[in-house]
Protein backbone atom coordinates (compact mmCIF):
# COMPACT_ATOMS: atom_id res chain seq x y z
CA MET A 1 38.67 -52.94 2.82
CA LYS A 2 41.57 -53.00 5.30
CA LYS A 3 44.30 -55.65 6.34
CA MET A 4 44.09 -59.21 6.38
CA SER A 5 46.19 -61.64 8.34
CA LEU A 6 49.03 -63.32 5.97
CA ILE A 7 49.40 -66.02 8.73
CA ALA A 8 47.05 -66.32 11.89
CA ILE A 9 47.91 -69.41 14.08
CA LEU A 10 44.43 -69.65 15.52
CA ALA A 11 42.78 -72.73 17.23
CA SER A 12 39.20 -72.35 15.70
CA SER A 13 38.52 -73.36 12.15
CA ILE A 14 36.23 -70.08 11.58
CA VAL A 15 34.94 -68.10 14.37
CA VAL A 16 31.18 -67.47 14.05
CA LEU A 17 29.07 -64.93 15.83
CA SER A 18 26.11 -65.81 18.16
CA LEU A 19 22.72 -63.80 17.51
CA SER A 20 20.87 -65.53 20.39
CA GLY A 21 20.07 -63.91 23.45
CA CYS A 22 20.64 -60.45 22.59
CA ALA A 23 20.09 -57.65 25.51
CA THR A 24 17.11 -55.23 25.74
CA THR A 25 16.80 -53.15 22.82
CA LYS A 26 15.23 -49.87 21.29
CA ALA A 27 13.29 -49.21 18.28
CA THR A 28 14.40 -47.80 15.23
CA VAL A 29 12.83 -47.53 12.07
CA GLY A 30 10.41 -50.34 13.21
CA VAL A 31 13.43 -52.56 14.45
CA ASP A 32 14.66 -53.78 17.77
CA THR A 33 17.91 -52.40 18.11
CA LYS A 34 20.66 -52.05 20.65
CA SER A 35 21.16 -49.02 22.96
CA THR A 36 24.76 -48.80 21.88
CA GLU A 37 23.67 -46.88 18.92
CA THR A 38 24.22 -49.61 16.39
CA ASN A 39 20.96 -50.00 14.59
CA ILE A 40 19.54 -51.90 11.68
CA VAL A 41 17.67 -49.66 9.52
CA ASP A 42 17.02 -51.89 6.66
CA TRP A 43 17.52 -55.54 5.30
CA SER A 44 17.15 -58.04 2.84
CA ASN A 45 13.50 -58.70 1.53
CA ARG A 46 12.02 -56.48 4.67
CA ASN A 47 8.94 -55.44 2.09
CA LEU A 48 8.12 -59.33 2.27
CA ASP A 49 8.14 -59.27 6.26
CA VAL A 50 11.41 -60.87 6.85
CA GLU A 51 13.03 -60.05 9.87
CA ALA A 52 15.87 -58.27 10.32
CA LYS A 53 17.93 -61.19 12.16
CA PRO A 54 16.19 -64.35 10.70
CA GLU A 55 16.43 -67.24 12.80
CA TRP A 56 18.47 -69.16 10.27
CA LEU A 57 20.96 -66.66 10.31
CA LYS A 58 21.23 -66.43 14.34
CA LYS A 59 21.95 -70.13 14.15
CA LEU A 60 24.18 -70.29 11.42
CA VAL A 61 26.77 -67.71 13.12
CA CYS A 62 26.15 -69.41 16.23
CA GLY A 63 27.88 -72.38 14.48
CA ASN A 64 24.32 -74.59 13.81
CA SER A 65 23.02 -74.62 10.05
CA ASP A 66 20.26 -76.76 10.73
CA VAL A 67 17.66 -74.14 10.67
CA PHE A 68 19.24 -72.83 7.22
CA LYS A 69 19.47 -76.17 5.51
CA SER A 70 15.69 -76.61 6.37
CA GLU A 71 14.59 -73.17 5.39
CA PHE A 72 16.73 -73.58 2.10
CA GLY A 73 16.04 -76.72 1.18
CA VAL A 74 20.08 -77.92 1.55
CA ASP A 75 20.61 -81.75 1.81
CA LYS A 76 21.59 -82.61 5.60
CA SER A 77 24.79 -83.81 4.78
CA SER A 78 25.95 -80.80 3.13
CA ILE A 79 28.66 -78.49 4.87
CA VAL A 80 27.54 -74.63 4.94
CA LYS A 81 29.86 -71.75 5.38
CA TYR A 82 29.52 -68.18 4.90
CA GLY A 83 31.42 -65.12 3.79
CA ILE A 84 30.76 -61.60 5.24
CA ALA A 85 31.69 -57.92 4.19
CA THR A 86 30.85 -54.53 4.71
CA ALA A 87 30.66 -51.60 2.09
CA LYS A 88 29.16 -48.43 1.55
CA THR A 89 26.79 -49.67 -0.93
CA ARG A 90 24.49 -52.60 -0.99
CA ASP A 91 25.65 -53.91 -4.31
CA ALA A 92 29.27 -53.56 -3.10
CA SER A 93 28.61 -55.61 -0.15
CA LEU A 94 26.92 -58.54 -1.86
CA SER A 95 29.96 -58.53 -4.11
CA ALA A 96 32.63 -58.10 -1.57
CA SER A 97 31.05 -60.74 0.62
CA ARG A 98 31.63 -63.16 -2.13
CA VAL A 99 35.09 -62.29 -2.46
CA ASN A 100 35.81 -62.24 1.10
CA TYR A 101 34.14 -66.09 1.30
CA ASN A 102 37.34 -66.98 -0.61
CA ALA A 103 39.64 -65.09 1.91
CA MET A 104 37.82 -66.55 4.76
CA ARG A 105 38.38 -69.99 3.86
CA ALA A 106 42.07 -69.55 2.53
CA GLU A 107 42.40 -68.35 6.49
CA GLU A 108 40.62 -71.14 7.78
CA LEU A 109 42.72 -73.67 6.06
CA LYS A 110 46.03 -71.78 6.56
CA THR A 111 45.17 -71.79 10.51
CA LYS A 112 44.41 -75.47 10.79
CA VAL A 113 47.21 -76.62 8.60
CA VAL A 114 49.83 -74.54 10.34
CA SER A 115 48.32 -75.63 13.62
CA GLU A 116 48.69 -79.24 12.57
CA ALA A 117 52.13 -78.64 11.46
CA ALA A 118 53.07 -77.32 14.60
CA SER A 119 51.90 -80.21 16.84
CA THR A 120 52.48 -83.06 14.17
CA LEU A 121 55.99 -82.13 12.89
CA ASN A 122 57.25 -80.48 16.39
CA ASP A 123 59.85 -79.03 14.53
CA GLU A 124 60.16 -75.17 14.18
CA GLY A 125 61.51 -75.23 10.51
CA TYR A 126 59.26 -77.65 9.32
CA THR A 127 56.56 -75.63 10.73
CA GLU A 128 57.85 -71.99 9.12
CA ALA A 129 58.18 -73.86 5.60
CA THR A 130 54.70 -75.04 6.10
CA ALA A 131 53.49 -71.53 7.26
CA ASN A 132 55.28 -69.89 4.50
CA ALA A 133 53.45 -72.19 1.78
CA ALA A 134 50.36 -72.25 3.28
CA THR A 135 50.58 -68.49 2.97
CA LEU A 136 50.92 -68.55 -0.75
CA ALA A 137 48.65 -71.81 -1.60
CA LYS A 138 45.29 -71.01 -3.07
CA VAL A 139 41.87 -72.48 -2.21
CA ASP A 140 40.18 -74.38 -5.02
CA LEU A 141 36.24 -73.65 -4.41
CA SER A 142 35.11 -76.16 -7.08
CA GLY A 143 31.85 -77.51 -5.97
CA HIS A 144 31.03 -74.41 -3.26
CA GLU A 145 27.61 -73.44 -4.31
CA LEU A 146 25.97 -70.12 -3.31
CA VAL A 147 22.49 -70.63 -1.70
CA THR A 148 21.77 -67.18 -0.65
CA GLN A 149 23.08 -63.65 0.35
CA PHE A 150 21.52 -61.38 3.03
CA TRP A 151 22.15 -57.79 3.89
CA GLN A 152 21.63 -55.31 6.51
CA LYS A 153 21.76 -51.66 6.09
CA VAL A 154 23.64 -50.27 9.82
CA GLU A 155 24.11 -47.05 11.25
CA TYR A 156 26.47 -46.81 14.09
CA ASN A 157 28.96 -44.50 15.71
CA ASP A 158 32.68 -44.85 14.62
CA LYS A 159 34.71 -46.26 17.51
CA GLU A 160 37.74 -43.45 16.80
CA THR A 161 35.64 -40.28 15.71
CA ASP A 162 32.37 -41.00 17.35
CA GLU A 163 31.09 -40.11 13.98
CA LYS A 164 27.62 -41.52 12.73
CA LYS A 165 28.19 -43.90 9.96
CA THR A 166 26.30 -46.07 7.41
CA GLU A 167 27.65 -49.40 5.92
CA TYR A 168 25.73 -52.60 4.59
CA ILE A 169 26.62 -55.96 6.05
CA CYS A 170 26.34 -58.99 3.69
CA TYR A 171 26.37 -62.57 4.44
CA SER A 172 27.04 -64.98 1.40
CA VAL A 173 26.01 -68.55 2.60
CA TYR A 174 27.38 -71.48 0.54
CA LYS A 175 26.76 -75.15 0.38
CA ILE A 176 29.26 -77.70 -0.18
CA SER A 177 29.21 -81.48 -0.35
CA LYS A 178 31.53 -83.39 1.76
CA GLU A 179 33.41 -84.96 -1.13
CA ASN A 180 33.86 -81.56 -2.76
CA TRP A 181 35.06 -80.42 0.87
CA LEU A 182 37.39 -82.96 1.37
CA ASN A 183 38.86 -82.18 -2.49
CA THR A 184 39.40 -78.64 -1.48
CA LEU A 185 41.19 -79.71 1.68
CA LYS A 186 43.37 -82.06 -0.43
CA GLY A 187 44.00 -79.57 -3.34
CA TYR A 188 45.26 -77.10 -0.68
CA LEU A 189 47.39 -79.54 1.12
CA SER A 190 49.00 -80.44 -1.87
CA GLN A 191 50.44 -77.23 -2.40
CA VAL A 192 51.90 -76.96 0.87
CA ILE A 193 53.17 -80.52 1.74
CA PRO A 194 56.22 -80.27 -1.17
CA SER A 195 57.53 -77.36 0.79
CA ILE A 196 58.33 -79.44 4.00
CA PRO A 197 61.96 -80.38 3.55
CA ASP A 198 61.81 -83.94 5.01
CA SER A 199 59.98 -86.82 2.91
CA LYS A 200 59.04 -88.41 6.57
CA ALA A 201 57.49 -85.34 7.74
CA GLN A 202 55.45 -84.78 4.51
CA VAL A 203 54.12 -87.85 5.00
CA LYS A 204 53.17 -87.22 8.55
CA MET A 205 51.55 -83.97 7.25
CA ALA A 206 49.62 -85.86 4.80
CA ASN A 207 48.03 -88.30 7.04
CA THR A 208 46.60 -85.06 8.88
CA ILE A 209 43.94 -84.93 6.25
CA GLN A 210 41.03 -86.58 8.36
CA SER A 211 41.75 -84.65 11.36
CA LEU A 212 41.77 -81.31 9.36
CA TYR A 213 38.25 -82.54 7.59
CA ASN A 214 36.80 -83.39 11.19
CA ASP A 215 38.11 -79.78 12.35
CA THR A 216 36.73 -78.21 9.50
CA ALA A 217 33.48 -79.80 8.66
CA LYS A 218 32.10 -80.66 12.05
CA GLU A 219 29.86 -77.78 13.75
CA VAL A 220 29.85 -76.77 17.38
CA GLU A 221 27.20 -74.14 18.46
CA LYS A 222 28.47 -71.61 20.62
CA SER A 223 26.97 -69.49 23.38
CA GLU A 224 26.69 -65.94 22.93
CA ALA A 225 29.60 -64.86 25.59
CA ASP A 226 31.79 -67.67 24.09
CA ALA A 227 31.35 -66.28 20.36
CA LYS A 228 32.04 -62.87 21.36
CA ALA A 229 35.10 -63.63 23.16
CA ALA A 230 36.13 -65.64 20.10
CA ILE A 231 35.79 -63.35 17.54
CA GLN A 232 37.45 -60.79 19.65
CA ALA A 233 40.65 -63.09 20.07
CA GLN A 234 40.58 -63.60 16.43
CA VAL A 235 40.39 -60.57 14.99
CA GLU A 236 43.26 -59.16 17.54
CA MET A 237 45.72 -62.17 16.86
CA ALA A 238 45.05 -61.94 13.17
CA ARG A 239 45.88 -58.26 13.12
CA ILE A 240 49.03 -58.69 15.33
CA GLU A 241 50.11 -61.37 12.88
CA ALA A 242 49.39 -59.32 9.72
CA GLU A 243 51.38 -56.35 11.37
CA LYS A 244 54.48 -58.80 11.81
CA GLU A 245 54.21 -60.10 8.22
CA ILE A 246 53.80 -56.78 6.50
CA ALA A 247 56.81 -55.39 8.58
CA LYS A 248 58.66 -58.47 7.48
CA ALA A 249 57.99 -57.69 4.07
CA GLN A 250 58.50 -54.27 4.20
CA ALA A 251 61.86 -54.74 5.52
CA SER A 252 63.03 -56.19 2.41
CA GLN A 253 61.41 -54.28 -0.09
CA PRO A 254 62.17 -50.69 -1.69
CA VAL A 255 60.11 -47.81 -0.15
CA VAL A 256 57.81 -47.65 -3.40
CA VAL A 257 56.95 -51.31 -2.81
CA GLN A 258 56.41 -50.86 0.85
CA GLN A 259 53.87 -48.07 0.25
CA THR A 260 51.99 -50.13 -2.40
CA SER A 261 52.20 -53.16 -0.39
CA SER A 262 50.46 -51.15 2.81
CA SER A 263 48.16 -49.50 0.69
CA GLN A 264 46.95 -52.81 -0.86
CA SER A 265 46.23 -54.47 2.45
CA ASN A 266 44.48 -51.54 3.89
CA ASP A 267 42.17 -51.55 0.88
CA SER A 268 41.47 -55.25 0.33
CA ASN A 269 42.66 -57.70 3.04
CA PHE A 270 41.02 -57.20 6.15
CA ASN A 271 37.28 -56.13 5.39
CA TRP A 272 36.04 -59.72 6.59
CA MET A 273 37.15 -59.03 9.91
CA ASP A 274 36.00 -55.54 9.93
CA ALA A 275 32.62 -56.49 9.23
CA LEU A 276 32.80 -59.66 12.32
CA GLU A 277 33.46 -56.79 14.53
CA LEU A 278 30.53 -54.82 13.14
CA ALA A 279 28.34 -57.38 12.98
CA ALA A 280 29.26 -58.26 16.61
CA ASP A 281 28.20 -55.03 17.54
CA VAL A 282 24.82 -55.40 15.71
CA ILE A 283 24.21 -58.62 17.19
CA PHE A 284 25.01 -58.81 20.95
C-alpha cells in the first residue's frame, strides 16, 4: 500500500466510479477488455458464468445501490458502502479491501466534518482544531455488515515503467442500517467537537449532524465522465494534502522517525486510492 491522505478537504462524501457506457473493447481470455492494455483476465465466480463486471457492481460504483440490494436481498432502506483494494494475490486483496473500508469511511467522515466546520464555524482556528481532531478520530464500524466480496484479476502496463503487471482488485460491500450509520456519525463527532475551543462553536458543530447524515447517506448516480473527473480530482487532492501533512510531521521528528513514518505511509495508507485509479483504467 502507498500513502493515504491525513486530511483531504473534498466536496464529495466518497467518490464512486462509473462502469456504464464503456468504450469499444477487445477480447482477452474470453473477456471484453479495453484497448489501453488494461485487461480483466479472471474474476469471482467465473466458473458459475458470473460476468467480469456484473450489473450490480457497475451501478454500485456509479452511486446507485438498487440493483445490488435486489440481487443480494438487502433491505431498500439500508445504506450501502464499499471498500476497495489492490494486491498481488487474491487472498491479500480480499483482506486489504476490508481494511481499506475502514480507511475510506474515515476519509469520508473527515472530509465532510472539516468541510462543515469551515462553512459553519467560519473561523480558521476552529477549522484547524477540527481538522486536527478529525485526523485522530476513530470510526466505529459497529453494525456495518459485510454482504459480499468481488475480485478481479487485472493485467496492465505500469504507467511509469511500461512493464506488464498483474494485480487483484477486490470490492468489499457492506450494508448499514440508518440507525447504525447515524451512530457512526455521532461517535465520530463526539471525538471531534471537544477540540473546538469555544462552547458556542461546539454547539453549532453538533447541530450539523443532520447535514452530515444527509450528505453521507444519500446516493447520487454519476455519469461516466463526471465520475472519472471526480475520482481523478479526489486522488490528486488527497495526495497533495498527504504530502503536506507528512512534510509537517517530519519537520518535527528525528530522522529515524521520519524514515519510519514515510515507509509506513508508502506501505499501508494509500492502497485504496491506487485501487480506485486502477479500477478506473479497467472500467472506463
